[in-house]
């Protein structure tokens, strides 16, 4: 082979190697972005499920309120719920008072395990 053919072959091999490296970089970058999007989506869904669980659970009742809710008459329960609803509308509790941080931490950890 003459010198020109050797340079041409080496040049083609370098271009091929460079092209392969660029394609690998593109696919790796795309894969990382896809995994990040999937991770963000999974986190958002888990947080939505936790928020739903907290909403379903509702506010915690004090001991006397629990007793009335469980053992009271229908009229006492109705009055209790009206009182709680009125208080929550007039004087809404701050978020840190409405949600127990330990319970929130537990629910988030449970959701992220699945």
N, C-alpha and C. Protein backbone atom coordinates (compact mmCIF):
# COMPACT_ATOMS: atom_id res chain seq x y z
N UNK A 1 0.84 -1.18 0.00
CA UNK A 1 0.00 0.00 0.00
C UNK A 1 0.89 1.25 0.00
N UNK A 2 0.43 2.21 -0.70
CA UNK A 2 1.21 3.45 -0.70
C UNK A 2 0.83 4.31 0.50
N UNK A 3 1.58 5.37 0.69
CA UNK A 3 1.40 6.25 1.84
C UNK A 3 0.02 6.91 1.84
N UNK A 4 -0.44 7.28 0.70
CA UNK A 4 -1.73 7.97 0.59
C UNK A 4 -2.87 7.05 1.03
N UNK A 5 -2.86 5.82 0.67
CA UNK A 5 -3.91 4.87 1.04
C UNK A 5 -3.89 4.62 2.55
N UNK A 6 -2.70 4.58 3.13
CA UNK A 6 -2.59 4.37 4.58
C UNK A 6 -3.18 5.57 5.32
N UNK A 7 -2.84 6.80 4.89
CA UNK A 7 -3.41 7.99 5.53
C UNK A 7 -4.94 8.03 5.37
N UNK A 8 -5.39 7.65 4.19
CA UNK A 8 -6.84 7.64 3.94
C UNK A 8 -7.54 6.64 4.86
N UNK A 9 -6.95 5.45 5.03
CA UNK A 9 -7.53 4.42 5.89
C UNK A 9 -7.51 4.89 7.35
N UNK A 10 -6.42 5.46 7.79
CA UNK A 10 -6.32 5.97 9.16
C UNK A 10 -7.33 7.09 9.37
N UNK A 11 -7.51 7.98 8.41
CA UNK A 11 -8.48 9.06 8.49
C UNK A 11 -9.91 8.54 8.59
N UNK A 12 -10.23 7.54 7.77
CA UNK A 12 -11.57 6.94 7.85
C UNK A 12 -11.79 6.27 9.20
N UNK A 13 -10.79 5.60 9.70
CA UNK A 13 -10.92 4.95 11.01
C UNK A 13 -11.10 6.00 12.12
N UNK A 14 -10.38 7.11 12.03
CA UNK A 14 -10.51 8.18 13.03
C UNK A 14 -11.90 8.80 12.98
N UNK A 15 -12.40 9.03 11.77
CA UNK A 15 -13.76 9.57 11.63
C UNK A 15 -14.78 8.59 12.18
N UNK A 16 -14.60 7.30 11.87
CA UNK A 16 -15.52 6.27 12.39
C UNK A 16 -15.48 6.20 13.91
N UNK A 17 -14.29 6.27 14.48
CA UNK A 17 -14.14 6.23 15.94
C UNK A 17 -14.77 7.48 16.57
N UNK A 18 -14.53 8.63 15.97
CA UNK A 18 -15.12 9.87 16.47
C UNK A 18 -16.65 9.81 16.38
N UNK A 19 -17.17 9.31 15.27
CA UNK A 19 -18.62 9.17 15.11
C UNK A 19 -19.21 8.24 16.15
N UNK A 20 -18.53 7.13 16.42
CA UNK A 20 -18.99 6.18 17.43
C UNK A 20 -19.01 6.84 18.81
N UNK A 21 -17.97 7.60 19.12
CA UNK A 21 -17.91 8.28 20.42
C UNK A 21 -19.04 9.31 20.54
N UNK A 22 -19.31 10.04 19.47
CA UNK A 22 -20.39 11.04 19.50
C UNK A 22 -21.74 10.36 19.70
N UNK A 23 -21.98 9.27 19.01
CA UNK A 23 -23.25 8.55 19.16
C UNK A 23 -23.40 8.00 20.57
N UNK A 24 -22.33 7.46 21.12
CA UNK A 24 -22.38 6.96 22.51
C UNK A 24 -22.66 8.09 23.48
N UNK A 25 -22.01 9.23 23.31
CA UNK A 25 -22.26 10.38 24.17
C UNK A 25 -23.71 10.82 24.09
N UNK A 26 -24.27 10.86 22.87
CA UNK A 26 -25.66 11.26 22.67
C UNK A 26 -26.60 10.30 23.40
N UNK A 27 -26.40 8.99 23.24
CA UNK A 27 -27.29 8.01 23.87
C UNK A 27 -27.16 8.00 25.39
N UNK A 28 -25.95 8.16 25.88
CA UNK A 28 -25.76 8.22 27.34
C UNK A 28 -26.44 9.47 27.90
N UNK A 29 -26.27 10.60 27.25
CA UNK A 29 -26.90 11.84 27.69
C UNK A 29 -28.43 11.71 27.66
N UNK A 30 -28.95 11.14 26.60
CA UNK A 30 -30.40 10.93 26.47
C UNK A 30 -30.91 9.99 27.57
N UNK A 31 -30.15 8.94 27.85
CA UNK A 31 -30.54 7.98 28.88
C UNK A 31 -30.57 8.63 30.26
N UNK A 32 -29.58 9.46 30.56
CA UNK A 32 -29.53 10.15 31.85
C UNK A 32 -30.73 11.09 31.98
N UNK A 33 -31.04 11.84 30.94
CA UNK A 33 -32.19 12.74 30.97
C UNK A 33 -33.49 11.97 31.18
N UNK A 34 -33.62 10.84 30.51
CA UNK A 34 -34.82 10.02 30.65
C UNK A 34 -34.96 9.49 32.07
N UNK A 35 -33.86 9.04 32.66
CA UNK A 35 -33.89 8.55 34.05
C UNK A 35 -34.24 9.68 35.02
N UNK A 36 -33.72 10.87 34.78
CA UNK A 36 -34.05 12.01 35.64
C UNK A 36 -35.54 12.34 35.55
N UNK A 37 -36.09 12.32 34.35
CA UNK A 37 -37.52 12.59 34.18
C UNK A 37 -38.36 11.52 34.88
N UNK A 38 -37.95 10.26 34.74
CA UNK A 38 -38.68 9.17 35.40
C UNK A 38 -38.60 9.32 36.92
N UNK A 39 -37.43 9.71 37.43
CA UNK A 39 -37.26 9.90 38.86
C UNK A 39 -38.15 11.03 39.36
N UNK A 40 -38.14 12.15 38.66
CA UNK A 40 -38.98 13.29 39.05
C UNK A 40 -40.46 12.91 39.02
N UNK A 41 -40.86 12.17 38.01
CA UNK A 41 -42.25 11.74 37.90
C UNK A 41 -42.62 10.81 39.06
N UNK A 42 -41.74 9.89 39.39
CA UNK A 42 -42.00 8.96 40.50
C UNK A 42 -42.09 9.70 41.82
N UNK A 43 -41.22 10.68 42.04
CA UNK A 43 -41.25 11.47 43.27
C UNK A 43 -42.55 12.27 43.37
N UNK A 44 -42.95 12.90 42.27
CA UNK A 44 -44.18 13.69 42.27
C UNK A 44 -45.40 12.80 42.55
N UNK A 45 -45.43 11.62 41.94
CA UNK A 45 -46.54 10.70 42.19
C UNK A 45 -46.56 10.22 43.64
N UNK A 46 -45.38 9.94 44.19
CA UNK A 46 -45.31 9.51 45.59
C UNK A 46 -45.78 10.62 46.52
N UNK A 47 -45.39 11.85 46.24
CA UNK A 47 -45.82 12.97 47.07
C UNK A 47 -47.32 13.22 46.94
N UNK A 48 -47.87 13.00 45.74
CA UNK A 48 -49.31 13.13 45.57
C UNK A 48 -50.04 12.07 46.40
N UNK A 49 -49.51 10.84 46.41
CA UNK A 49 -50.14 9.78 47.20
C UNK A 49 -50.05 10.10 48.70
N UNK A 50 -48.92 10.64 49.12
CA UNK A 50 -48.77 11.03 50.54
C UNK A 50 -49.75 12.14 50.88
N UNK A 51 -49.88 13.13 50.01
CA UNK A 51 -50.83 14.22 50.25
C UNK A 51 -52.25 13.68 50.33
N UNK A 52 -52.56 12.74 49.47
CA UNK A 52 -53.89 12.13 49.49
C UNK A 52 -54.13 11.39 50.80
N UNK A 53 -53.13 10.66 51.27
CA UNK A 53 -53.26 9.94 52.53
C UNK A 53 -53.46 10.91 53.69
N UNK A 54 -52.74 12.02 53.67
CA UNK A 54 -52.88 13.01 54.73
C UNK A 54 -54.26 13.63 54.69
N UNK A 55 -54.74 13.95 53.48
CA UNK A 55 -56.08 14.52 53.35
C UNK A 55 -57.15 13.54 53.82
N UNK A 56 -56.98 12.27 53.47
CA UNK A 56 -57.96 11.26 53.88
C UNK A 56 -57.98 11.07 55.39
N UNK A 57 -56.80 11.16 55.99
CA UNK A 57 -56.71 10.96 57.44
C UNK A 57 -57.35 12.12 58.18
N UNK A 58 -57.22 13.32 57.66
CA UNK A 58 -57.83 14.48 58.28
C UNK A 58 -57.06 14.95 59.50
N UNK A 59 -57.64 15.94 60.17
CA UNK A 59 -57.02 16.48 61.37
C UNK A 59 -57.17 15.50 62.53
N UNK A 60 -56.20 15.54 63.42
CA UNK A 60 -56.29 14.71 64.62
C UNK A 60 -57.24 15.38 65.61
N UNK A 61 -58.03 14.59 66.29
CA UNK A 61 -58.95 15.12 67.29
C UNK A 61 -58.30 15.01 68.67
N UNK A 62 -58.66 15.94 69.54
CA UNK A 62 -58.19 15.87 70.92
C UNK A 62 -58.92 14.72 71.61
N UNK A 63 -58.46 14.35 72.81
CA UNK A 63 -59.01 13.19 73.52
C UNK A 63 -60.52 13.32 73.74
N UNK A 64 -60.97 14.49 74.22
CA UNK A 64 -62.41 14.65 74.47
C UNK A 64 -63.19 14.59 73.16
N UNK A 65 -62.61 15.15 72.10
CA UNK A 65 -63.28 15.10 70.81
C UNK A 65 -63.34 13.67 70.29
N UNK A 66 -62.28 12.91 70.53
CA UNK A 66 -62.29 11.50 70.11
C UNK A 66 -63.37 10.73 70.85
N UNK A 67 -63.50 11.00 72.14
CA UNK A 67 -64.51 10.30 72.93
C UNK A 67 -65.91 10.62 72.41
N UNK A 68 -66.17 11.89 72.16
CA UNK A 68 -67.49 12.26 71.63
C UNK A 68 -67.71 11.64 70.25
N UNK A 69 -66.66 11.66 69.41
CA UNK A 69 -66.80 11.11 68.07
C UNK A 69 -67.10 9.61 68.11
N UNK A 70 -66.57 8.92 69.11
CA UNK A 70 -66.78 7.47 69.19
C UNK A 70 -68.00 7.09 70.03
N UNK A 71 -68.19 7.73 71.16
CA UNK A 71 -69.22 7.30 72.11
C UNK A 71 -70.41 8.26 72.20
N UNK A 72 -70.28 9.45 71.62
CA UNK A 72 -71.34 10.44 71.77
C UNK A 72 -72.58 10.12 70.96
N UNK A 73 -73.62 10.84 71.25
CA UNK A 73 -74.86 10.67 70.49
C UNK A 73 -74.68 11.28 69.11
N UNK A 74 -75.65 11.03 68.28
CA UNK A 74 -75.59 11.57 66.92
C UNK A 74 -75.56 13.09 66.97
N UNK A 75 -76.34 13.68 67.83
CA UNK A 75 -76.41 15.14 67.95
C UNK A 75 -75.07 15.70 68.45
N UNK A 76 -74.44 15.04 69.40
CA UNK A 76 -73.15 15.50 69.90
C UNK A 76 -72.09 15.42 68.80
N UNK A 77 -72.12 14.35 68.02
CA UNK A 77 -71.16 14.21 66.92
C UNK A 77 -71.36 15.29 65.87
N UNK A 78 -72.64 15.57 65.55
CA UNK A 78 -72.93 16.61 64.56
C UNK A 78 -72.44 17.97 65.05
N UNK A 79 -72.71 18.28 66.31
CA UNK A 79 -72.26 19.55 66.88
C UNK A 79 -70.73 19.64 66.92
N UNK A 80 -70.10 18.52 67.25
CA UNK A 80 -68.63 18.49 67.27
C UNK A 80 -68.07 18.77 65.88
N UNK A 81 -68.60 18.11 64.87
CA UNK A 81 -68.11 18.33 63.51
C UNK A 81 -68.37 19.75 63.05
N UNK A 82 -69.52 20.30 63.39
CA UNK A 82 -69.81 21.70 63.04
C UNK A 82 -68.83 22.64 63.74
N UNK A 83 -68.56 22.37 65.02
CA UNK A 83 -67.63 23.20 65.77
C UNK A 83 -66.23 23.15 65.16
N UNK A 84 -65.77 21.94 64.86
CA UNK A 84 -64.43 21.77 64.27
C UNK A 84 -64.36 22.48 62.93
N UNK A 85 -65.40 22.30 62.10
CA UNK A 85 -65.43 22.94 60.79
C UNK A 85 -65.41 24.47 60.93
N UNK A 86 -66.19 25.00 61.85
CA UNK A 86 -66.25 26.44 62.07
C UNK A 86 -64.89 26.97 62.53
N UNK A 87 -64.28 26.27 63.48
CA UNK A 87 -62.97 26.70 63.98
C UNK A 87 -61.91 26.68 62.88
N UNK A 88 -61.94 25.65 62.05
CA UNK A 88 -60.96 25.56 60.97
C UNK A 88 -61.16 26.65 59.93
N UNK A 89 -62.39 27.07 59.73
CA UNK A 89 -62.65 28.14 58.77
C UNK A 89 -62.28 29.51 59.34
N UNK A 90 -62.58 29.73 60.60
CA UNK A 90 -62.32 31.03 61.22
C UNK A 90 -60.84 31.19 61.56
N UNK A 91 -60.29 30.16 62.18
CA UNK A 91 -58.89 30.20 62.60
C UNK A 91 -58.16 28.99 62.01
N UNK A 92 -57.82 29.04 60.74
CA UNK A 92 -57.12 27.89 60.16
C UNK A 92 -55.75 27.70 60.82
N UNK A 93 -55.44 26.45 61.09
CA UNK A 93 -54.15 26.15 61.72
C UNK A 93 -53.06 26.26 60.67
N UNK A 94 -51.87 26.61 61.13
CA UNK A 94 -50.74 26.66 60.21
C UNK A 94 -50.38 25.23 59.79
N UNK A 95 -49.68 25.14 58.70
CA UNK A 95 -49.36 23.83 58.13
C UNK A 95 -48.59 22.96 59.11
N UNK A 96 -47.66 23.53 59.85
CA UNK A 96 -46.88 22.73 60.80
C UNK A 96 -47.73 22.22 61.96
N UNK A 97 -48.86 22.87 62.24
CA UNK A 97 -49.76 22.39 63.28
C UNK A 97 -50.72 21.32 62.75
N UNK A 98 -51.03 21.42 61.45
CA UNK A 98 -51.99 20.46 60.86
C UNK A 98 -51.34 19.13 60.52
N UNK A 99 -50.06 19.15 60.19
CA UNK A 99 -49.40 17.93 59.74
C UNK A 99 -48.28 17.59 60.72
N UNK A 100 -48.34 16.38 61.24
CA UNK A 100 -47.30 15.90 62.15
C UNK A 100 -46.06 15.56 61.32
N UNK A 101 -44.91 16.20 61.58
CA UNK A 101 -43.71 15.94 60.78
C UNK A 101 -43.26 14.47 60.82
N UNK A 102 -43.41 13.84 61.97
CA UNK A 102 -43.01 12.43 62.07
C UNK A 102 -43.90 11.55 61.18
N UNK A 103 -45.20 11.84 61.19
CA UNK A 103 -46.12 11.09 60.35
C UNK A 103 -45.82 11.35 58.87
N UNK A 104 -45.53 12.59 58.52
CA UNK A 104 -45.19 12.92 57.14
C UNK A 104 -43.92 12.20 56.71
N UNK A 105 -42.92 12.20 57.57
CA UNK A 105 -41.67 11.51 57.29
C UNK A 105 -41.92 10.01 57.08
N UNK A 106 -42.73 9.42 57.95
CA UNK A 106 -43.04 7.99 57.83
C UNK A 106 -43.75 7.70 56.52
N UNK A 107 -44.76 8.52 56.18
CA UNK A 107 -45.51 8.28 54.95
C UNK A 107 -44.63 8.42 53.71
N UNK A 108 -43.76 9.40 53.70
CA UNK A 108 -42.86 9.59 52.54
C UNK A 108 -41.92 8.40 52.41
N UNK A 109 -41.36 7.95 53.54
CA UNK A 109 -40.45 6.79 53.48
C UNK A 109 -41.18 5.55 53.00
N UNK A 110 -42.42 5.35 53.44
CA UNK A 110 -43.20 4.19 53.01
C UNK A 110 -43.46 4.27 51.50
N UNK A 111 -43.79 5.45 51.00
CA UNK A 111 -44.08 5.60 49.57
C UNK A 111 -42.83 5.38 48.71
N UNK A 112 -41.70 5.84 49.18
CA UNK A 112 -40.49 5.72 48.39
C UNK A 112 -39.91 4.31 48.42
N UNK A 113 -40.32 3.50 49.39
CA UNK A 113 -39.87 2.11 49.43
C UNK A 113 -40.51 1.29 48.33
N UNK A 114 -41.75 1.64 47.98
CA UNK A 114 -42.47 0.85 46.96
C UNK A 114 -42.03 1.17 45.58
